[in-house]
């Protein structure tokens, strides 16, 4: 059945790519490009705040200097470089609005001469949408003191690209690309009265998007903290511009932003990042801090579980615990197969980490970081709980996705004066190995200790299985095995260390890799492994301060 289903998706992928191939040929035709040229706006009715571009721009101060480029050769010099990096114009958030004005006009004028008609990579949806957003947010600087012909051509280019997005929005299945499209359309409708329908279309589609992509708490159905951060930035961008344009702010937009910010505030780590589950990478939340701090949390309204991630905090301890099932297939692009994985902070320092998502490094790093063995959890026979689609054509067509699923159940929150934690069970290993995995993990509030109990339940007799528990340490930490063999000394600073201890088991210190940043880092991994035949087994472990 799985083989037939995969063959079906493969045939559909061929069909879709065949259609896309001929569409791209049509897009380059004079007929199509002429169809994009509709009425040219005469003036701008609203100048957005250009500093809002910093919400979504990856460029940081001093990372891109327009003075380093000759405007006349800008597109020649960058022809062979990363196209999206320059053609998305997100670097406009770094310009000096006084001294760079003439150079910016020249660069955009030359862009219009070269790329006004459809070019496959340069008009790619994500790049095109980002370009429109960047142009619109900086429109006052771009058109200031510009000639009539420059303004006319510039306005017409904005409209032509918007028309291309409108013609093709229904075909876009990537959720991140779609939110960029909707933001671009909303902004174009705010600045041009003649195209207010763009605003109305964008708002209508945005409401549909939110209803289909978020749970009742405002967490993305992808269960990805990274997606949560990504989406709220675009929601805020729309919200602030709608408010500045003195339009009525849709109630649904106000509600989703508030829910998003509540989620972020609750799961934000002590070092101002997000926990590394399901596509999470190291991204500082500093540019969202202003919005996050405006949200006041009520103890009655806070939840311990958001997006399938359990979190609890003590004075100096923080625990994040993945207790959720995999997301639906169409939301699983960034899913990392780590049921019952966790991250642990003590005194503001991350002690136990997951691998992080390798999207900023390479496609191979991304694949590695999706595997169960890359998370701080259990693997059996070195297999991943969830299998991922490996066919390149299917992935290119439908996006990277999971091929199988599993369930988590018997979730129980433990919260009293002495301990705070959670337990859960998942059946990800039941089909292949007849095993269930239960993990109970909690903060010992009195002793500032993290305690955990893992259970492997054998549902049927069968062949022996090999279990491996992994506890990845943050890259800046090291560990050494003690003489007893069942504990490890985790060195935090010269005068501060922790003791990892497991009862009645031997542990080993192995090397691991951390992929949450922009390069591969080595880290230390504490592993417990052995063979299990026809019986259940219990593992008790703890992390405590060394006395």
Protein backbone atom coordinates (compact mmCIF):
# COMPACT_ATOMS: atom_id res chain seq x y z
CA UNK A 1 0.00 0.00 0.00
CA UNK A 2 2.83 2.41 0.92
CA UNK A 3 4.60 1.60 -2.34
CA UNK A 4 1.46 2.31 -4.38
CA UNK A 5 0.85 5.57 -2.53
CA UNK A 6 4.45 6.66 -3.11
CA UNK A 7 4.17 5.77 -6.79
CA UNK A 8 0.97 7.82 -6.98
CA UNK A 9 2.68 10.86 -5.45
CA UNK A 10 5.62 10.39 -7.79
CA UNK A 11 3.34 10.40 -10.86
CA UNK A 12 1.47 13.46 -9.57
CA UNK A 13 4.82 15.18 -8.94
CA UNK A 14 5.85 14.52 -12.54
CA UNK A 15 2.56 15.96 -13.76
CA UNK A 16 2.85 19.07 -11.58
CA UNK A 17 6.44 19.72 -12.63
CA UNK A 18 5.49 19.22 -16.26
CA UNK A 19 2.81 21.90 -15.90
CA UNK A 20 5.23 24.19 -14.03
CA UNK A 21 7.77 23.82 -16.83
CA UNK A 22 5.31 25.05 -19.46
CA UNK A 23 4.01 27.79 -17.15
CA UNK A 24 7.54 29.16 -16.78
CA UNK A 25 7.89 29.22 -20.56
CA UNK A 26 4.59 31.10 -20.77
CA UNK A 27 5.71 33.53 -18.03
CA UNK A 28 8.64 34.62 -20.22
CA UNK A 29 6.39 35.43 -23.17
CA UNK A 30 5.53 38.99 -24.20
CA UNK A 31 1.83 38.15 -23.89
CA UNK A 32 2.12 37.25 -20.22
CA UNK A 33 4.37 40.16 -19.28
CA UNK A 34 2.07 42.61 -21.07
CA UNK A 35 -0.88 41.16 -19.16
CA UNK A 36 0.80 42.19 -15.92
CA UNK A 37 0.89 45.85 -16.91
CA UNK A 38 -2.28 47.45 -15.65
CA UNK A 39 -3.12 51.00 -14.60
CA UNK A 40 -0.10 52.84 -13.18
CA UNK A 41 -0.74 54.64 -9.87
CA UNK A 42 -0.08 58.36 -9.94
CA UNK A 43 0.96 58.87 -6.36
CA UNK A 44 1.61 57.29 -2.98
CA UNK A 45 -1.04 57.92 -0.33
CA UNK A 46 0.88 56.52 2.61
CA UNK A 47 4.58 56.30 3.45
CA UNK A 48 5.29 53.26 5.65
CA UNK A 49 7.85 53.21 8.44
CA UNK A 50 11.07 51.90 6.79
CA UNK A 51 12.51 50.74 10.12
CA UNK A 52 9.90 47.97 10.26
CA UNK A 53 11.96 46.17 7.61
CA UNK A 54 14.42 45.21 10.35
CA UNK A 55 11.75 42.80 11.67
CA UNK A 56 12.22 40.48 8.70
CA UNK A 57 15.62 41.39 7.29
CA UNK A 58 18.49 38.95 7.98
CA UNK A 59 21.03 41.73 7.41
CA UNK A 60 22.60 43.16 10.52
CA UNK A 61 24.55 46.36 11.06
CA UNK A 62 27.79 46.49 9.03
CA UNK A 63 26.94 43.21 7.23
CA UNK A 64 26.16 44.97 3.95
CA UNK A 65 27.53 48.38 2.86
CA UNK A 66 26.15 49.98 -0.27
CA UNK A 67 29.32 52.14 -0.43
CA UNK A 68 31.30 49.00 -1.24
CA UNK A 69 29.55 48.72 -4.61
CA UNK A 70 29.62 50.77 -7.78
CA UNK A 71 25.92 51.34 -8.64
CA UNK A 72 26.65 51.00 -12.37
CA UNK A 73 28.18 47.55 -11.85
CA UNK A 74 25.99 46.38 -8.95
CA UNK A 75 24.04 43.77 -10.93
CA UNK A 76 27.09 42.70 -12.93
CA UNK A 77 29.19 42.17 -9.79
CA UNK A 78 26.45 40.14 -8.16
CA UNK A 79 25.37 38.14 -11.19
CA UNK A 80 27.03 34.92 -10.04
CA UNK A 81 26.40 35.38 -6.32
CA UNK A 82 23.36 34.35 -4.31
CA UNK A 83 20.58 35.90 -6.37
CA UNK A 84 18.00 36.13 -3.60
CA UNK A 85 20.42 37.89 -1.26
CA UNK A 86 20.56 40.97 -3.48
CA UNK A 87 17.36 40.76 -5.51
CA UNK A 88 15.16 40.63 -2.41
CA UNK A 89 16.44 44.11 -1.43
CA UNK A 90 16.17 43.28 2.27
CA UNK A 91 19.53 45.02 2.65
CA UNK A 92 17.64 48.32 2.28
CA UNK A 93 17.16 48.32 6.06
CA UNK A 94 20.89 49.14 6.35
CA UNK A 95 21.05 52.14 4.03
CA UNK A 96 22.01 55.61 5.12
CA UNK A 97 18.90 57.47 4.09
CA UNK A 98 20.79 60.70 3.45
CA UNK A 99 23.98 59.66 1.69
CA UNK A 100 22.81 56.49 -0.12
CA UNK A 101 19.70 57.95 -1.79
CA UNK A 102 21.24 58.53 -5.25
CA UNK A 103 22.95 55.15 -5.33
CA UNK A 104 19.72 53.38 -4.41
CA UNK A 105 17.85 55.12 -7.22
CA UNK A 106 20.54 54.13 -9.71
CA UNK A 107 20.55 50.49 -8.56
CA UNK A 108 16.75 50.25 -8.82
CA UNK A 109 16.72 52.04 -12.17
CA UNK A 110 19.20 49.50 -13.57
CA UNK A 111 17.20 46.66 -12.02
CA UNK A 112 14.09 47.89 -13.85
CA UNK A 113 15.97 48.02 -17.15
CA UNK A 114 17.22 44.45 -16.77
CA UNK A 115 14.54 42.56 -14.86
CA UNK A 116 11.13 44.18 -15.43
CA UNK A 117 9.94 41.07 -17.26
CA UNK A 118 9.71 37.66 -15.66
CA UNK A 119 13.04 35.98 -14.92
CA UNK A 120 12.77 32.54 -13.32
CA UNK A 121 15.05 32.92 -10.28
CA UNK A 122 14.74 36.66 -9.82
CA UNK A 123 10.93 36.45 -9.88
CA UNK A 124 10.85 33.42 -7.59
CA UNK A 125 7.93 33.91 -5.19
CA UNK A 126 9.90 34.39 -1.97
CA UNK A 127 12.45 36.73 -3.54
CA UNK A 128 9.81 38.74 -5.38
CA UNK A 129 7.60 39.17 -2.30
CA UNK A 130 10.54 40.28 -0.15
CA UNK A 131 11.57 42.75 -2.88
CA UNK A 132 8.11 44.32 -2.95
CA UNK A 133 8.00 44.61 0.83
CA UNK A 134 11.47 46.20 0.88
CA UNK A 135 10.63 48.66 -1.90
CA UNK A 136 7.31 49.66 -0.36
CA UNK A 137 8.72 50.19 3.13
CA UNK A 138 11.45 52.44 1.66
CA UNK A 139 9.31 54.09 -0.99
CA UNK A 140 9.70 57.63 0.37
CA UNK A 141 13.51 57.47 0.04
CA UNK A 142 13.37 55.73 -3.35
CA UNK A 143 11.06 58.22 -5.08
CA UNK A 144 12.17 61.38 -3.28
CA UNK A 145 13.52 63.86 -5.88
CA UNK A 146 13.10 61.19 -8.55
CA UNK A 147 12.10 62.11 -12.11
CA UNK A 148 8.55 61.61 -13.36
CA UNK A 149 9.64 58.73 -15.62
CA UNK A 150 11.52 57.00 -12.80
CA UNK A 151 8.49 57.17 -10.50
CA UNK A 152 6.20 55.94 -13.25
CA UNK A 153 8.40 52.95 -14.09
CA UNK A 154 8.96 52.17 -10.43
CA UNK A 155 5.23 52.22 -9.63
CA UNK A 156 4.46 50.12 -12.68
CA UNK A 157 7.03 47.54 -11.64
CA UNK A 158 5.48 47.24 -8.21
CA UNK A 159 2.05 46.69 -9.75
CA UNK A 160 3.30 44.19 -12.36
CA UNK A 161 4.95 42.08 -9.68
CA UNK A 162 1.84 42.28 -7.49
CA UNK A 163 -0.28 41.15 -10.45
CA UNK A 164 2.04 38.16 -10.93
CA UNK A 165 1.57 37.22 -7.27
CA UNK A 166 -2.21 37.51 -7.52
CA UNK A 167 -2.33 35.32 -10.62
CA UNK A 168 -0.34 32.57 -8.90
CA UNK A 169 -1.20 32.79 -5.20
CA UNK A 170 -3.63 29.86 -5.37
CA UNK A 171 -0.81 27.57 -6.54
CA UNK A 172 1.51 28.41 -3.61
CA UNK A 173 1.55 25.61 -1.02
CA UNK A 174 4.56 26.74 1.01
CA UNK A 175 3.18 28.43 4.13
CA UNK A 176 6.14 30.78 4.62
CA UNK A 177 6.08 31.94 1.01
CA UNK A 178 2.34 32.50 1.20
CA UNK A 179 2.57 34.84 4.19
CA UNK A 180 5.18 36.88 2.29
CA UNK A 181 2.85 37.14 -0.71
CA UNK A 182 -0.05 38.30 1.46
CA UNK A 183 2.11 40.89 3.23
CA UNK A 184 3.29 42.32 -0.11
CA UNK A 185 -0.29 42.57 -1.41
CA UNK A 186 -1.54 44.21 1.80
CA UNK A 187 1.22 46.82 1.71
CA UNK A 188 0.64 47.60 -1.97
CA UNK A 189 -3.05 48.17 -1.25
CA UNK A 190 -2.19 50.54 1.59
CA UNK A 191 0.09 52.82 -0.44
CA UNK A 192 -1.92 52.89 -3.69
CA UNK A 193 -5.60 53.85 -3.45
CA UNK A 194 -6.14 52.62 -7.03
CA UNK A 195 -5.20 49.12 -5.83
CA UNK A 196 -7.08 48.96 -2.54
CA UNK A 197 -8.44 45.63 -3.76
CA UNK A 198 -4.96 44.21 -3.20
CA UNK A 199 -5.38 45.10 0.46
CA UNK A 200 -8.83 43.53 0.66
CA UNK A 201 -7.65 40.35 -1.08
CA UNK A 202 -4.62 40.12 1.17
CA UNK A 203 -6.67 40.54 4.36
CA UNK A 204 -9.27 38.00 3.22
CA UNK A 205 -6.63 35.38 2.39
CA UNK A 206 -4.70 36.15 5.58
CA UNK A 207 -7.73 35.34 7.70
CA UNK A 208 -8.13 32.00 5.88
CA UNK A 209 -4.44 31.28 6.31
CA UNK A 210 -4.54 31.86 10.07
CA UNK A 211 -7.62 29.66 10.55
CA UNK A 212 -5.97 26.77 8.70
CA UNK A 213 -2.42 27.10 10.08
CA UNK A 214 -2.67 27.71 13.85
CA UNK A 215 -4.15 25.93 16.84
CA UNK A 216 -6.43 27.57 19.40
CA UNK A 217 -3.45 28.83 21.42
CA UNK A 218 -1.93 30.58 18.41
CA UNK A 219 0.86 28.04 17.91
CA UNK A 220 1.57 26.91 14.30
CA UNK A 221 0.27 23.45 13.43
CA UNK A 222 3.82 22.63 12.31
CA UNK A 223 4.71 22.62 16.03
CA UNK A 224 7.76 24.69 15.14
CA UNK A 225 8.91 27.55 17.43
CA UNK A 226 10.86 28.85 14.43
CA UNK A 227 7.65 29.11 12.39
CA UNK A 228 6.01 30.90 15.32
CA UNK A 229 8.73 33.57 15.24
CA UNK A 230 8.65 33.82 11.45
CA UNK A 231 4.90 34.31 11.17
CA UNK A 232 4.50 36.80 14.01
CA UNK A 233 7.10 39.07 12.39
CA UNK A 234 4.98 39.33 9.24
CA UNK A 235 1.78 39.72 11.26
CA UNK A 236 3.38 42.60 13.17
CA UNK A 237 4.62 44.13 9.92
CA UNK A 238 1.06 44.13 8.56
CA UNK A 239 -0.46 45.30 11.84
CA UNK A 240 1.88 48.28 12.31
CA UNK A 241 1.43 49.46 8.72
CA UNK A 242 -2.36 49.11 8.83
CA UNK A 243 -2.36 51.14 12.04
CA UNK A 244 -0.05 53.83 10.61
CA UNK A 245 -2.22 54.06 7.48
CA UNK A 246 -5.20 54.70 9.80
CA UNK A 247 -7.12 51.68 8.53
CA UNK A 248 -9.32 49.57 10.78
CA UNK A 249 -7.19 46.75 12.17
CA UNK A 250 -8.94 43.38 11.65
CA UNK A 251 -9.91 41.71 14.91
CA UNK A 252 -8.49 38.34 13.80
CA UNK A 253 -5.07 39.96 13.26
CA UNK A 254 -5.07 41.53 16.72
CA UNK A 255 -6.02 38.18 18.26
CA UNK A 256 -3.44 36.03 16.50
CA UNK A 257 -0.61 38.48 17.30
CA UNK A 258 -1.53 38.50 20.97
CA UNK A 259 -1.69 34.71 21.06
CA UNK A 260 1.63 34.42 19.19
CA UNK A 261 3.37 36.78 21.59
CA UNK A 262 1.97 34.96 24.62
CA UNK A 263 3.36 31.70 23.19
CA UNK A 264 6.77 33.29 22.57
CA UNK A 265 6.93 34.85 26.02
CA UNK A 266 6.13 31.53 27.66
CA UNK A 267 8.62 29.38 25.73
CA UNK A 268 11.42 31.95 25.41
CA UNK A 269 14.61 30.50 26.84
CA UNK A 270 16.70 32.20 29.55
CA UNK A 271 19.29 33.24 26.93
CA UNK A 272 16.58 34.95 24.82
CA UNK A 273 16.30 32.25 22.15
CA UNK A 274 13.73 29.59 21.32
CA UNK A 275 13.94 25.92 22.33
CA UNK A 276 15.38 23.76 19.55
CA UNK A 277 12.43 21.61 18.56
CA UNK A 278 10.99 20.99 15.07
CA UNK A 279 12.95 23.44 12.96
CA UNK A 280 14.25 25.63 15.77
CA UNK A 281 17.51 27.49 15.22
CA UNK A 282 19.48 29.94 17.31
CA UNK A 283 17.86 33.31 16.63
CA UNK A 284 18.00 36.13 19.14
CA UNK A 285 14.56 37.54 19.93
CA UNK A 286 15.89 41.00 20.67
CA UNK A 287 14.04 42.66 17.77
CA UNK A 288 10.77 41.27 19.13
CA UNK A 289 11.48 42.17 22.74
CA UNK A 290 9.55 45.45 22.57
CA UNK A 291 6.39 43.67 21.45
CA UNK A 292 6.85 40.68 23.78
CA UNK A 293 7.25 42.85 26.87
CA UNK A 294 3.93 44.58 26.18
CA UNK A 295 2.13 41.29 26.75
CA UNK A 296 1.13 40.79 30.37
CA UNK A 297 0.62 37.17 31.35
CA UNK A 298 -2.03 36.14 33.83
CA UNK A 299 -1.29 33.04 35.89
CA UNK A 300 -4.85 31.89 35.21
CA UNK A 301 -4.31 32.00 31.45
CA UNK A 302 -0.81 30.53 31.18
CA UNK A 303 -0.46 26.98 29.93
CA UNK A 304 2.28 24.42 30.55
CA UNK A 305 1.81 22.92 27.07
CA UNK A 306 2.00 24.96 23.87
CA UNK A 307 2.46 23.42 20.44
CA UNK A 308 3.06 20.01 22.00
CA UNK A 309 5.97 21.39 24.05
CA UNK A 310 5.72 21.15 27.82
CA UNK A 311 7.60 23.87 29.69
CA UNK A 312 8.06 24.61 33.36
CA UNK A 313 10.26 27.05 35.27
CA UNK A 314 11.61 27.39 38.74
CA UNK A 315 13.78 30.19 40.13
CA UNK A 316 16.90 28.98 38.35
CA UNK A 317 15.74 25.92 36.39
CA UNK A 318 13.87 25.73 33.09
CA UNK A 319 12.67 22.58 31.32
CA UNK A 320 11.28 22.11 27.79
CA UNK A 321 9.88 18.68 26.91
CA UNK A 322 8.52 17.49 23.53
CA UNK A 323 5.34 15.54 24.31
CA UNK A 324 3.47 16.02 21.01
CA UNK A 325 2.66 13.76 18.09
CA UNK A 326 3.98 14.65 14.61
CA UNK A 327 2.16 17.47 12.79
CA UNK A 328 -0.07 16.77 9.77
CA UNK A 329 1.87 15.80 6.65
CA UNK A 330 1.34 19.18 4.94
CA UNK A 331 2.82 20.95 8.01
CA UNK A 332 5.75 18.58 8.58
CA UNK A 333 8.40 20.25 6.42
CA UNK A 334 10.56 21.20 9.42
CA UNK A 335 9.58 18.39 11.78
CA UNK A 336 12.43 16.78 13.75
CA UNK A 337 11.76 13.24 14.93
CA UNK A 338 12.43 13.66 18.63
CA UNK A 339 9.48 12.47 20.72
CA UNK A 340 10.23 12.82 24.45
CA UNK A 341 13.37 14.89 23.76
CA UNK A 342 14.06 17.78 26.13
CA UNK A 343 16.19 20.82 26.83
CA UNK A 344 17.30 21.92 30.28
CA UNK A 345 18.65 25.23 31.64
CA UNK A 346 20.23 25.87 35.01
CA UNK A 347 21.23 29.33 36.27
CA UNK A 348 20.70 30.74 32.77
CA UNK A 349 23.04 28.21 31.12
CA UNK A 350 21.75 25.60 28.70
CA UNK A 351 22.87 22.19 29.91
CA UNK A 352 20.99 19.67 27.73
CA UNK A 353 20.19 20.61 24.14
CA UNK A 354 18.79 19.15 20.97
CA UNK A 355 20.73 19.25 17.73
CA UNK A 356 19.02 22.32 16.23
CA UNK A 357 17.85 22.52 12.61
CA UNK A 358 20.64 22.63 10.02
CA UNK A 359 18.81 24.77 7.44
CA UNK A 360 21.38 27.59 7.70
CA UNK A 361 24.26 25.19 7.05
CA UNK A 362 23.40 22.75 4.23
CA UNK A 363 20.72 20.36 3.01
CA UNK A 364 22.76 17.46 4.41
CA UNK A 365 22.96 19.12 7.83
CA UNK A 366 19.22 19.69 7.69
CA UNK A 367 18.60 16.00 6.98
CA UNK A 368 20.87 14.88 9.83
CA UNK A 369 19.16 17.22 12.26
CA UNK A 370 15.75 15.70 11.47
CA UNK A 371 16.77 12.25 12.78
CA UNK A 372 15.87 10.92 16.23
CA UNK A 373 19.54 10.20 17.00
CA UNK A 374 20.21 13.96 16.84
CA UNK A 375 17.86 14.68 19.75
CA UNK A 376 18.21 14.14 23.50
CA UNK A 377 15.94 11.10 23.64
CA UNK A 378 15.78 7.34 23.05
CA UNK A 379 16.60 5.49 19.84
CA UNK A 380 16.09 1.78 19.27
CA UNK A 381 18.34 -0.10 16.83
CA UNK A 382 19.65 3.29 15.65
CA UNK A 383 16.46 4.03 13.73
CA UNK A 384 14.52 7.24 13.48
CA UNK A 385 11.00 7.16 14.93
CA UNK A 386 9.67 9.01 11.91
CA UNK A 387 10.71 8.30 8.35
CA UNK A 388 11.10 11.19 5.93
CA UNK A 389 10.46 11.41 2.22
CA UNK A 390 13.80 11.08 0.38
CA UNK A 391 12.68 11.33 -3.25
CA UNK A 392 13.99 14.65 -4.56
CA UNK A 393 11.20 15.14 -7.09
CA UNK A 394 8.47 14.54 -4.51
CA UNK A 395 10.20 16.82 -1.99
CA UNK A 396 10.67 19.55 -4.58
CA UNK A 397 6.99 19.34 -5.47
CA UNK A 398 5.30 18.83 -2.11
CA UNK A 399 8.04 19.95 0.29
CA UNK A 400 10.01 17.78 2.71
CA UNK A 401 7.49 15.77 4.69
CA UNK A 402 7.07 12.75 6.93
CA UNK A 403 6.09 9.34 5.55
CA UNK A 404 4.74 7.79 8.74
CA UNK A 405 3.31 9.00 12.03
CA UNK A 406 2.88 7.88 15.64
CA UNK A 407 0.87 8.86 18.70
CA UNK A 408 1.72 10.25 22.11
CA UNK A 409 -0.62 9.47 24.98
CA UNK A 410 -0.98 9.20 28.77
CA UNK A 411 0.28 12.76 29.16
CA UNK A 412 0.27 13.72 32.83
CA UNK A 413 1.40 17.00 34.34
CA UNK A 414 2.99 16.82 37.79
CA UNK A 415 2.95 20.12 39.67
CA UNK A 416 3.15 20.61 43.42
CA UNK A 417 5.34 22.29 46.04
CA UNK A 418 8.16 19.82 45.60
CA UNK A 419 8.27 18.90 41.91
CA UNK A 420 7.14 20.25 38.55
CA UNK A 421 7.22 18.13 35.43
CA UNK A 422 5.40 15.87 33.02
CA UNK A 423 5.22 12.29 31.78
CA UNK A 424 4.20 10.90 28.39
CA UNK A 425 4.28 7.71 26.33
CA UNK A 426 4.67 7.27 22.57
CA UNK A 427 4.22 4.28 20.27
CA UNK A 428 6.77 5.25 17.62
CA UNK A 429 8.70 2.00 18.11
CA UNK A 430 5.71 -0.31 18.50
CA UNK A 431 5.21 -1.33 14.88
CA UNK A 432 8.83 -2.33 14.16
CA UNK A 433 10.11 -3.35 17.60
CA UNK A 434 7.01 -4.01 19.74
CA UNK A 435 8.19 -1.34 22.22
CA UNK A 436 6.59 1.63 23.92
CA UNK A 437 8.66 4.43 25.40
CA UNK A 438 7.51 6.37 28.45
CA UNK A 439 9.48 9.27 29.89
CA UNK A 440 8.80 11.06 33.16
CA UNK A 441 10.88 14.15 33.74
CA UNK A 442 10.58 16.82 36.39
CA UNK A 443 12.32 19.59 38.31
CA UNK A 444 13.05 18.85 41.95
CA UNK A 445 12.27 22.31 43.31
CA UNK A 446 13.83 21.86 46.74
CA UNK A 447 17.15 20.38 45.62
CA UNK A 448 17.60 22.22 42.29
CA UNK A 449 17.85 18.87 40.54
CA UNK A 450 16.50 17.52 37.25
CA UNK A 451 15.20 13.96 37.62
CA UNK A 452 14.03 11.58 34.94
CA UNK A 453 12.67 8.06 34.62
CA UNK A 454 12.52 6.24 31.30
CA UNK A 455 10.52 3.06 30.70
CA UNK A 456 10.82 0.70 27.75
CA UNK A 457 7.81 -1.61 27.61
CA UNK A 458 8.05 -4.75 25.46
CA UNK A 459 4.53 -5.51 24.28
CA UNK A 460 5.44 -8.86 22.70
CA UNK A 461 8.28 -11.34 22.91
CA UNK A 462 10.66 -11.14 20.02
CA UNK A 463 14.20 -10.48 18.90
CA UNK A 464 16.54 -8.45 21.15
CA UNK A 465 16.65 -4.70 20.53
CA UNK A 466 19.45 -2.26 21.23
CA UNK A 467 18.48 0.90 23.08
CA UNK A 468 20.48 4.13 23.22
CA UNK A 469 19.64 7.17 25.34
CA UNK A 470 21.42 10.35 24.31
CA UNK A 471 21.90 13.52 26.35
CA UNK A 472 23.57 16.18 24.21
CA UNK A 473 25.37 18.94 26.09
CA UNK A 474 25.46 22.54 24.97
CA UNK A 475 28.56 23.04 22.74
CA UNK A 476 30.41 25.17 25.28
CA UNK A 477 30.21 22.45 27.95
CA UNK A 478 32.34 19.34 28.43
CA UNK A 479 31.98 16.15 30.46
CA UNK A 480 34.19 13.36 31.76
CA UNK A 481 33.21 9.91 32.93
CA UNK A 482 33.76 9.22 36.62
CA UNK A 483 35.51 6.17 38.07
CA UNK A 484 32.22 4.50 39.02
CA UNK A 485 31.15 4.29 35.38
CA UNK A 486 27.55 5.32 36.00
CA UNK A 487 28.04 9.08 36.28
CA UNK A 488 29.64 11.98 34.42
CA UNK A 489 31.01 15.31 35.58
CA UNK A 490 29.65 18.19 33.46
CA UNK A 491 32.01 21.17 33.58
CA UNK A 492 30.25 24.53 33.31
CA UNK A 493 32.98 26.88 34.52
CA UNK A 494 36.29 26.38 36.28
CA UNK A 495 34.61 26.39 39.68
CA UNK A 496 31.15 25.11 38.77
CA UNK A 497 30.12 21.63 37.67
CA UNK A 498 27.15 19.27 37.60
CA UNK A 499 26.88 15.54 38.09
CA UNK A 500 24.89 13.35 35.72
CA UNK A 501 24.05 10.04 37.35
CA UNK A 502 22.14 6.96 36.18
CA UNK A 503 21.22 4.07 38.43
CA UNK A 504 22.52 0.56 37.65
CA UNK A 505 23.77 1.44 34.15
CA UNK A 506 27.10 2.33 32.61
CA UNK A 507 27.42 5.45 30.48
CA UNK A 508 29.84 6.61 27.83
CA UNK A 509 31.04 10.03 26.69
CA UNK A 510 30.73 10.41 22.92
CA UNK A 511 31.16 13.19 20.38
CA UNK A 512 28.16 14.85 18.82
CA UNK A 513 27.42 17.78 16.52
CA UNK A 514 25.34 20.90 17.04
CA UNK A 515 23.56 22.37 13.99
CA UNK A 516 21.46 25.15 15.50
CA UNK A 517 23.64 28.02 14.30
CA UNK A 518 25.25 28.88 10.99
CA UNK A 519 28.10 26.39 11.21
CA UNK A 520 28.67 22.87 12.53
CA UNK A 521 29.89 22.78 16.12
CA UNK A 522 31.19 19.81 18.07
CA UNK A 523 29.53 18.96 21.34
CA UNK A 524 29.64 16.27 23.99
CA UNK A 525 27.03 13.53 24.28
CA UNK A 526 26.35 11.34 27.31
CA UNK A 527 25.01 7.98 26.10
CA UNK A 528 23.51 4.98 27.84
CA UNK A 529 23.09 1.89 25.69
CA UNK A 530 22.45 -1.83 25.99
CA UNK A 531 20.37 -4.76 24.78
CA UNK A 532 16.83 -5.60 25.77
CA UNK A 533 15.23 -9.02 25.20
CA UNK A 534 11.78 -10.08 26.42
CA UNK A 535 11.30 -7.84 29.42
CA UNK A 536 10.49 -4.28 30.38
CA UNK A 537 13.17 -2.01 31.75
CA UNK A 538 13.28 1.15 33.89
CA UNK A 539 16.05 3.78 33.86
CA UNK A 540 16.42 6.37 36.62
CA UNK A 541 18.74 9.33 36.08
CA UNK A 542 19.35 12.83 37.43
CA UNK A 543 21.38 15.99 36.90
CA UNK A 544 22.38 17.81 40.07
CA UNK A 545 24.92 20.29 41.32
CA UNK A 546 28.17 18.72 42.44
CA UNK A 547 28.65 19.15 46.15
